[in-house]
C-alpha atoms as a PDB file:
ATOM      1  CA  MET A   1      50.728 140.186  22.435  1.00  0.00           C
ATOM      2  CA  SER A   2      48.452 142.276  22.967  1.00  0.00           C
ATOM      3  CA  GLU A   3      48.404 145.770  20.480  1.00  0.00           C
ATOM      4  CA  LEU A   4      49.381 148.111  23.330  1.00  0.00           C
ATOM      5  CA  LYS A   5      51.756 150.114  21.240  1.00  0.00           C
ATOM      6  CA  ASN A   6      48.194 150.949  19.615  1.00  0.00           C
ATOM      7  CA  ALA A   7      46.542 152.470  22.945  1.00  0.00           C
ATOM      8  CA  SER A   8      46.830 155.950  24.167  1.00  0.00           C
ATOM      9  CA  PRO A   9      49.137 156.120  27.081  1.00  0.00           C
ATOM     10  CA  ALA A  10      48.428 157.156  30.198  1.00  0.00           C
ATOM     11  CA  GLN A  11      52.304 158.456  30.247  1.00  0.00           C
ATOM     12  CA  VAL A  12      55.484 158.940  27.936  1.00  0.00           C
ATOM     13  CA  LEU A  13      58.615 158.358  29.821  1.00  0.00           C
ATOM     14  CA  ASP A  14      61.295 159.802  28.255  1.00  0.00           C
ATOM     15  CA  VAL A  15      64.664 157.740  29.254  1.00  0.00           C
ATOM     16  CA  LEU A  16      66.630 158.696  26.092  1.00  0.00           C
ATOM     17  CA  GLY A  17      69.889 159.720  26.906  1.00  0.00           C
ATOM     18  CA  ARG A  18      69.998 158.086  30.249  1.00  0.00           C
ATOM     19  CA  VAL A  19      72.391 154.361  31.035  1.00  0.00           C
ATOM     20  CA  CYS A  20      71.298 152.080  33.686  1.00  0.00           C
ATOM     21  CA  PRO A  21      70.303 151.701  36.286  1.00  0.00           C
ATOM     22  CA  TYR A  22      68.260 155.236  35.204  1.00  0.00           C
ATOM     23  CA  PRO A  23      65.624 153.862  32.428  1.00  0.00           C
ATOM     24  CA  LEU A  24      64.526 151.014  34.834  1.00  0.00           C
ATOM     25  CA  VAL A  25      64.581 154.066  38.361  1.00  0.00           C
ATOM     26  CA  LEU A  26      63.124 155.804  36.322  1.00  0.00           C
ATOM     27  CA  THR A  27      60.308 153.296  34.612  1.00  0.00           C
ATOM     28  CA  LYS A  28      59.760 151.637  38.281  1.00  0.00           C
ATOM     29  CA  LYS A  29      58.784 155.533  39.425  1.00  0.00           C
ATOM     30  CA  ALA A  30      56.298 155.937  36.567  1.00  0.00           C
ATOM     31  CA  MET A  31      54.647 152.578  37.221  1.00  0.00           C
ATOM     32  CA  GLU A  32      54.125 153.140  40.848  1.00  0.00           C
ATOM     33  CA  LYS A  33      51.721 156.519  39.847  1.00  0.00           C
ATOM     34  CA  LEU A  34      49.673 154.504  37.104  1.00  0.00           C
ATOM     35  CA  ASN A  35      46.058 153.333  37.883  1.00  0.00           C
ATOM     36  CA  SER A  36      45.711 149.110  36.572  1.00  0.00           C
ATOM     37  CA  GLY A  37      45.213 149.107  33.171  1.00  0.00           C
ATOM     38  CA  ASP A  38      46.939 152.313  32.778  1.00  0.00           C
ATOM     39  CA  VAL A  39      50.275 151.730  29.393  1.00  0.00           C
ATOM     40  CA  LEU A  40      53.407 153.795  30.049  1.00  0.00           C
ATOM     41  CA  LYS A  41      54.658 154.151  26.633  1.00  0.00           C
ATOM     42  CA  VAL A  42      59.162 154.896  27.227  1.00  0.00           C
ATOM     43  CA  LEU A  43      61.734 155.855  24.727  1.00  0.00           C
ATOM     44  CA  CYS A  44      65.199 154.523  25.339  1.00  0.00           C
ATOM     45  CA  ASP A  45      68.438 154.199  23.444  1.00  0.00           C
ATOM     46  CA  ALA A  46      70.258 151.695  26.229  1.00  0.00           C
ATOM     47  CA  PRO A  47      69.898 148.702  25.177  1.00  0.00           C
ATOM     48  CA  ALA A  48      70.538 146.675  28.424  1.00  0.00           C
ATOM     49  CA  SER A  49      67.648 148.534  29.674  1.00  0.00           C
ATOM     50  CA  ALA A  50      65.251 147.384  26.931  1.00  0.00           C
ATOM     51  CA  GLU A  51      66.518 144.374  26.091  1.00  0.00           C
ATOM     52  CA  ASP A  52      66.888 142.782  29.794  1.00  0.00           C
ATOM     53  CA  SER A  53      65.896 145.439  33.072  1.00  0.00           C
ATOM     54  CA  ILE A  54      62.947 146.448  31.915  1.00  0.00           C
ATOM     55  CA  PRO A  55      61.506 143.314  30.905  1.00  0.00           C
ATOM     56  CA  LYS A  56      62.721 141.228  33.878  1.00  0.00           C
ATOM     57  CA  PHE A  57      60.987 143.730  35.807  1.00  0.00           C
ATOM     58  CA  CYS A  58      57.510 143.591  34.067  1.00  0.00           C
ATOM     59  CA  GLU A  59      57.420 140.122  33.303  1.00  0.00           C
ATOM     60  CA  LYS A  60      58.155 140.378  37.917  1.00  0.00           C
ATOM     61  CA  GLN A  61      55.300 142.460  38.628  1.00  0.00           C
ATOM     62  CA  ASN A  62      52.982 140.920  36.062  1.00  0.00           C
ATOM     63  CA  PHE A  63      52.749 143.338  33.408  1.00  0.00           C
ATOM     64  CA  THR A  64      52.342 143.241  30.353  1.00  0.00           C
ATOM     65  CA  LEU A  65      54.817 143.904  27.965  1.00  0.00           C
ATOM     66  CA  GLU A  66      55.173 145.211  24.256  1.00  0.00           C
ATOM     67  CA  VAL A  67      59.004 146.684  23.206  1.00  0.00           C
ATOM     68  CA  GLU A  68      59.410 148.141  19.604  1.00  0.00           C
ATOM     69  CA  LYS A  69      62.810 148.544  18.334  1.00  0.00           C
ATOM     70  CA  VAL A  70      62.686 151.741  16.561  1.00  0.00           C
ATOM     71  CA  GLY A  71      65.920 152.897  13.773  1.00  0.00           C
ATOM     72  CA  ASP A  72      69.453 151.688  14.508  1.00  0.00           C
ATOM     73  CA  ALA A  73      69.481 152.564  18.467  1.00  0.00           C
ATOM     74  CA  SER A  74      66.336 153.121  20.278  1.00  0.00           C
ATOM     75  CA  TRP A  75      63.279 151.103  21.409  1.00  0.00           C
ATOM     76  CA  GLU A  76      59.341 152.278  22.561  1.00  0.00           C
ATOM     77  CA  ILE A  77      58.715 150.193  25.130  1.00  0.00           C
ATOM     78  CA  PHE A  78      54.760 149.741  25.768  1.00  0.00           C
ATOM     79  CA  ILE A  79      54.142 148.690  29.577  1.00  0.00           C
ATOM     80  CA  GLN A  80      50.405 147.928  30.392  1.00  0.00           C
ATOM     81  CA  LYS A  81      50.102 147.942  34.609  1.00  0.00           C
ATOM     82  CA  GLY A  82      48.179 144.773  35.425  1.00  0.00           C
END
């Protein structure tokens, strides 16, 4: 796995407090605006989004993904647009 978390993100998307499907919908919209190679950092506290829907979306789009759990109930998700 690459070290996306060390890259400077082109955008930080805060979806803390949002429940499915909003984190995924907002992540998709943010990724559409980025250029190839840009990194999006998503701050998320919805387990279903961080562990399931966002990773599945990234896999389908061939985006590079790195998910890091922060504390007990939140994640930092780094996505690089292909």
